[in-house]
Amino acid sequence: MNNFNEKIYEKLKLVPRGKIITYKELAKAVNSRAYRAVGGVMKNNKEPDKIPCYKVVLSDGSVGNYSSPGGAKEKIRRLQKDGIEVINNKVDLKRYLFRFE
Protein backbone atom coordinates (compact mmCIF):
# COMPACT_ATOMS: atom_id res chain seq x y z
CA MET A 1 0.00 0.00 0.00
CA ASN A 2 1.36 3.43 -0.84
CA ASN A 3 1.69 6.40 1.49
CA PHE A 4 -1.30 8.27 -0.02
CA ASN A 5 -3.60 5.29 0.57
CA GLU A 6 -2.40 4.88 4.13
CA LYS A 7 -2.97 8.57 4.90
CA ILE A 8 -6.48 8.42 3.44
CA TYR A 9 -7.38 5.26 5.35
CA GLU A 10 -6.02 6.62 8.63
CA LYS A 11 -7.99 9.87 8.28
CA LEU A 12 -11.15 7.99 7.34
CA LYS A 13 -10.91 5.88 10.49
CA LEU A 14 -11.16 9.14 12.49
CA VAL A 15 -14.58 10.06 11.10
CA PRO A 16 -16.92 9.47 14.05
CA ARG A 17 -19.96 7.24 14.04
CA GLY A 18 -23.00 9.11 12.74
CA LYS A 19 -20.93 11.32 10.44
CA ILE A 20 -19.87 11.15 6.79
CA ILE A 21 -17.17 12.85 4.77
CA THR A 22 -16.89 13.75 1.08
CA TYR A 23 -14.12 12.61 -1.22
CA LYS A 24 -13.07 16.26 -1.48
CA GLU A 25 -12.91 16.79 2.31
CA LEU A 26 -10.97 13.58 2.75
CA ALA A 27 -8.43 14.67 0.13
CA LYS A 28 -8.13 18.08 1.79
CA ALA A 29 -7.49 16.35 5.12
CA VAL A 30 -4.25 14.93 3.71
CA ASN A 31 -3.33 18.20 1.97
CA SER A 32 -4.25 16.98 -1.49
CA ARG A 33 -6.57 18.04 -4.30
CA ALA A 34 -6.70 14.52 -5.73
CA TYR A 35 -10.40 13.99 -5.05
CA ARG A 36 -10.79 11.36 -7.75
CA ALA A 37 -7.78 9.48 -6.41
CA VAL A 38 -9.58 9.20 -3.08
CA GLY A 39 -12.37 7.42 -4.97
CA GLY A 40 -9.82 4.97 -6.34
CA VAL A 41 -8.47 4.36 -2.86
CA MET A 42 -12.00 3.63 -1.59
CA LYS A 43 -12.70 1.34 -4.55
CA ASN A 44 -9.59 -0.69 -3.74
CA ASN A 45 -10.29 -0.99 -0.01
CA LYS A 46 -9.76 -4.65 0.82
CA GLU A 47 -10.94 -4.29 4.44
CA PRO A 48 -14.34 -2.52 4.42
CA ASP A 49 -15.10 -3.76 7.95
CA LYS A 50 -11.95 -2.08 9.31
CA ILE A 51 -11.79 0.91 6.96
CA PRO A 52 -15.29 2.44 6.76
CA CYS A 53 -15.32 3.54 3.13
CA TYR A 54 -19.13 3.56 3.18
CA LYS A 55 -18.85 6.89 5.05
CA VAL A 56 -17.48 8.67 1.97
CA VAL A 57 -20.07 10.39 -0.23
CA LEU A 58 -20.13 12.79 -3.17
CA SER A 59 -19.91 16.57 -2.67
CA ASP A 60 -23.65 16.97 -3.30
CA GLY A 61 -24.51 14.39 -0.61
CA SER A 62 -25.24 11.59 -3.09
CA VAL A 63 -24.36 8.19 -1.73
CA GLY A 64 -22.52 7.14 -4.89
CA ASN A 65 -21.20 3.66 -5.54
CA TYR A 66 -19.91 1.02 -3.17
CA SER A 67 -17.57 -1.67 -4.43
CA SER A 68 -18.30 -4.17 -1.66
CA PRO A 69 -20.94 -6.87 -2.18
CA GLY A 70 -24.42 -5.37 -2.20
CA GLY A 71 -23.31 -2.16 -3.88
CA ALA A 72 -25.07 1.12 -3.08
CA LYS A 73 -27.86 -0.68 -1.17
CA GLU A 74 -25.29 -2.08 1.24
CA LYS A 75 -23.67 1.36 1.59
CA ILE A 76 -27.06 2.86 2.48
CA ARG A 77 -27.72 0.03 4.95
CA ARG A 78 -24.40 0.70 6.70
CA LEU A 79 -25.02 4.46 6.78
CA GLN A 80 -28.46 3.91 8.31
CA LYS A 81 -26.98 1.50 10.85
CA ASP A 82 -24.70 4.39 11.89
CA GLY A 83 -27.77 6.58 12.41
CA ILE A 84 -27.43 8.54 9.17
CA GLU A 85 -30.65 9.27 7.37
CA VAL A 86 -30.56 8.64 3.62
CA ILE A 87 -33.37 10.15 1.54
CA ASN A 88 -33.51 9.55 -2.22
CA ASN A 89 -29.93 8.20 -2.13
CA LYS A 90 -28.66 11.43 -0.53
CA VAL A 91 -27.32 12.45 2.86
CA ASP A 92 -27.92 15.90 4.38
CA LEU A 93 -24.41 17.38 4.42
CA LYS A 94 -25.40 20.18 6.79
CA ARG A 95 -26.45 17.61 9.34
CA TYR A 96 -23.92 14.81 8.91
CA LEU A 97 -20.75 16.18 7.27
CA PHE A 98 -17.53 15.81 9.24
CA ARG A 99 -14.62 18.13 8.52
CA PHE A 100 -11.11 17.96 9.85
CA GLU A 101 -10.09 21.28 11.40
C-alpha atoms as a PDB file:
ATOM      1  CA  MET A   1       0.000   0.000   0.000  1.00  0.00           C
ATOM      2  CA  ASN A   2       1.358   3.425  -0.836  1.00  0.00           C
ATOM      3  CA  ASN A   3       1.691   6.395   1.487  1.00  0.00           C
ATOM      4  CA  PHE A   4      -1.303   8.274  -0.015  1.00  0.00           C
ATOM      5  CA  ASN A   5      -3.605   5.289   0.567  1.00  0.00           C
ATOM      6  CA  GLU A   6      -2.399   4.881   4.131  1.00  0.00           C
ATOM      7  CA  LYS A   7      -2.974   8.568   4.896  1.00  0.00           C
ATOM      8  CA  ILE A   8      -6.482   8.419   3.437  1.00  0.00           C
ATOM      9  CA  TYR A   9      -7.384   5.256   5.351  1.00  0.00           C
ATOM     10  CA  GLU A  10      -6.016   6.623   8.633  1.00  0.00           C
ATOM     11  CA  LYS A  11      -7.985   9.871   8.284  1.00  0.00           C
ATOM     12  CA  LEU A  12     -11.151   7.988   7.340  1.00  0.00           C
ATOM     13  CA  LYS A  13     -10.906   5.876  10.489  1.00  0.00           C
ATOM     14  CA  LEU A  14     -11.156   9.136  12.486  1.00  0.00           C
ATOM     15  CA  VAL A  15     -14.581  10.058  11.095  1.00  0.00           C
ATOM     16  CA  PRO A  16     -16.922   9.472  14.045  1.00  0.00           C
ATOM     17  CA  ARG A  17     -19.963   7.237  14.042  1.00  0.00           C
ATOM     18  CA  GLY A  18     -23.001   9.108  12.741  1.00  0.00           C
ATOM     19  CA  LYS A  19     -20.929  11.322  10.436  1.00  0.00           C
ATOM     20  CA  ILE A  20     -19.869  11.147   6.786  1.00  0.00           C
ATOM     21  CA  ILE A  21     -17.174  12.847   4.766  1.00  0.00           C
ATOM     22  CA  THR A  22     -16.893  13.748   1.082  1.00  0.00           C
ATOM     23  CA  TYR A  23     -14.124  12.613  -1.223  1.00  0.00           C
ATOM     24  CA  LYS A  24     -13.074  16.264  -1.476  1.00  0.00           C
ATOM     25  CA  GLU A  25     -12.915  16.789   2.305  1.00  0.00           C
ATOM     26  CA  LEU A  26     -10.970  13.577   2.746  1.00  0.00           C
ATOM     27  CA  ALA A  27      -8.430  14.667   0.127  1.00  0.00           C
ATOM     28  CA  LYS A  28      -8.130  18.082   1.787  1.00  0.00           C
ATOM     29  CA  ALA A  29      -7.490  16.345   5.124  1.00  0.00           C
ATOM     30  CA  VAL A  30      -4.251  14.934   3.706  1.00  0.00           C
ATOM     31  CA  ASN A  31      -3.328  18.203   1.968  1.00  0.00           C
ATOM     32  CA  SER A  32      -4.249  16.977  -1.489  1.00  0.00           C
ATOM     33  CA  ARG A  33      -6.566  18.040  -4.304  1.00  0.00           C
ATOM     34  CA  ALA A  34      -6.695  14.520  -5.729  1.00  0.00           C
ATOM     35  CA  TYR A  35     -10.403  13.986  -5.047  1.00  0.00           C
ATOM     36  CA  ARG A  36     -10.785  11.364  -7.746  1.00  0.00           C
ATOM     37  CA  ALA A  37      -7.777   9.482  -6.411  1.00  0.00           C
ATOM     38  CA  VAL A  38      -9.581   9.197  -3.085  1.00  0.00           C
ATOM     39  CA  GLY A  39     -12.374   7.421  -4.971  1.00  0.00           C
ATOM     40  CA  GLY A  40      -9.824   4.971  -6.335  1.00  0.00           C
ATOM     41  CA  VAL A  41      -8.473   4.359  -2.856  1.00  0.00           C
ATOM     42  CA  MET A  42     -11.997   3.634  -1.593  1.00  0.00           C
ATOM     43  CA  LYS A  43     -12.703   1.337  -4.553  1.00  0.00           C
ATOM     44  CA  ASN A  44      -9.593  -0.688  -3.737  1.00  0.00           C
ATOM     45  CA  ASN A  45     -10.291  -0.989  -0.012  1.00  0.00           C
ATOM     46  CA  LYS A  46      -9.756  -4.651   0.822  1.00  0.00           C
ATOM     47  CA  GLU A  47     -10.943  -4.285   4.437  1.00  0.00           C
ATOM     48  CA  PRO A  48     -14.339  -2.519   4.423  1.00  0.00           C
ATOM     49  CA  ASP A  49     -15.104  -3.762   7.951  1.00  0.00           C
ATOM     50  CA  LYS A  50     -11.949  -2.079   9.310  1.00  0.00           C
ATOM     51  CA  ILE A  51     -11.790   0.910   6.964  1.00  0.00           C
ATOM     52  CA  PRO A  52     -15.294   2.436   6.759  1.00  0.00           C
ATOM     53  CA  CYS A  53     -15.316   3.539   3.126  1.00  0.00           C
ATOM     54  CA  TYR A  54     -19.126   3.563   3.180  1.00  0.00           C
ATOM     55  CA  LYS A  55     -18.854   6.893   5.053  1.00  0.00           C
ATOM     56  CA  VAL A  56     -17.478   8.668   1.973  1.00  0.00           C
ATOM     57  CA  VAL A  57     -20.069  10.394  -0.230  1.00  0.00           C
ATOM     58  CA  LEU A  58     -20.133  12.787  -3.173  1.00  0.00           C
ATOM     59  CA  SER A  59     -19.911  16.567  -2.669  1.00  0.00           C
ATOM     60  CA  ASP A  60     -23.650  16.968  -3.304  1.00  0.00           C
ATOM     61  CA  GLY A  61     -24.505  14.392  -0.612  1.00  0.00           C
ATOM     62  CA  SER A  62     -25.244  11.593  -3.086  1.00  0.00           C
ATOM     63  CA  VAL A  63     -24.356   8.185  -1.728  1.00  0.00           C
ATOM     64  CA  GLY A  64     -22.522   7.137  -4.887  1.00  0.00           C
ATOM     65  CA  ASN A  65     -21.196   3.663  -5.536  1.00  0.00           C
ATOM     66  CA  TYR A  66     -19.911   1.019  -3.168  1.00  0.00           C
ATOM     67  CA  SER A  67     -17.571  -1.669  -4.431  1.00  0.00           C
ATOM     68  CA  SER A  68     -18.302  -4.172  -1.659  1.00  0.00           C
ATOM     69  CA  PRO A  69     -20.936  -6.869  -2.178  1.00  0.00           C
ATOM     70  CA  GLY A  70     -24.419  -5.373  -2.201  1.00  0.00           C
ATOM     71  CA  GLY A  71     -23.309  -2.158  -3.879  1.00  0.00           C
ATOM     72  CA  ALA A  72     -25.065   1.119  -3.082  1.00  0.00           C
ATOM     73  CA  LYS A  73     -27.863  -0.678  -1.175  1.00  0.00           C
ATOM     74  CA  GLU A  74     -25.286  -2.078   1.235  1.00  0.00           C
ATOM     75  CA  LYS A  75     -23.670   1.358   1.588  1.00  0.00           C
ATOM     76  CA  ILE A  76     -27.057   2.856   2.482  1.00  0.00           C
ATOM     77  CA  ARG A  77     -27.720   0.031   4.950  1.00  0.00           C
ATOM     78  CA  ARG A  78     -24.401   0.703   6.697  1.00  0.00           C
ATOM     79  CA  LEU A  79     -25.020   4.460   6.783  1.00  0.00           C
ATOM     80  CA  GLN A  80     -28.461   3.911   8.305  1.00  0.00           C
ATOM     81  CA  LYS A  81     -26.978   1.497  10.855  1.00  0.00           C
ATOM     82  CA  ASP A  82     -24.696   4.386  11.885  1.00  0.00           C
ATOM     83  CA  GLY A  83     -27.775   6.582  12.408  1.00  0.00           C
ATOM     84  CA  ILE A  84     -27.426   8.539   9.174  1.00  0.00           C
ATOM     85  CA  GLU A  85     -30.648   9.274   7.371  1.00  0.00           C
ATOM     86  CA  VAL A  86     -30.559   8.638   3.621  1.00  0.00           C
ATOM     87  CA  ILE A  87     -33.370  10.147   1.541  1.00  0.00           C
ATOM     88  CA  ASN A  88     -33.514   9.554  -2.223  1.00  0.00           C
ATOM     89  CA  ASN A  89     -29.928   8.204  -2.130  1.00  0.00           C
ATOM     90  CA  LYS A  90     -28.662  11.426  -0.534  1.00  0.00           C
ATOM     91  CA  VAL A  91     -27.319  12.451   2.859  1.00  0.00           C
ATOM     92  CA  ASP A  92     -27.917  15.895   4.376  1.00  0.00           C
ATOM     93  CA  LEU A  93     -24.407  17.380   4.424  1.00  0.00           C
ATOM     94  CA  LYS A  94     -25.399  20.181   6.791  1.00  0.00           C
ATOM     95  CA  ARG A  95     -26.447  17.609   9.344  1.00  0.00           C
ATOM     96  CA  TYR A  96     -23.915  14.807   8.912  1.00  0.00           C
ATOM     97  CA  LEU A  97     -20.755  16.184   7.274  1.00  0.00           C
ATOM     98  CA  PHE A  98     -17.528  15.812   9.244  1.00  0.00           C
ATOM     99  CA  ARG A  99     -14.620  18.131   8.519  1.00  0.00           C
ATOM    100  CA  PHE A 100     -11.113  17.959   9.853  1.00  0.00           C
ATOM    101  CA  GLU A 101     -10.091  21.279  11.395  1.00  0.00           C
END
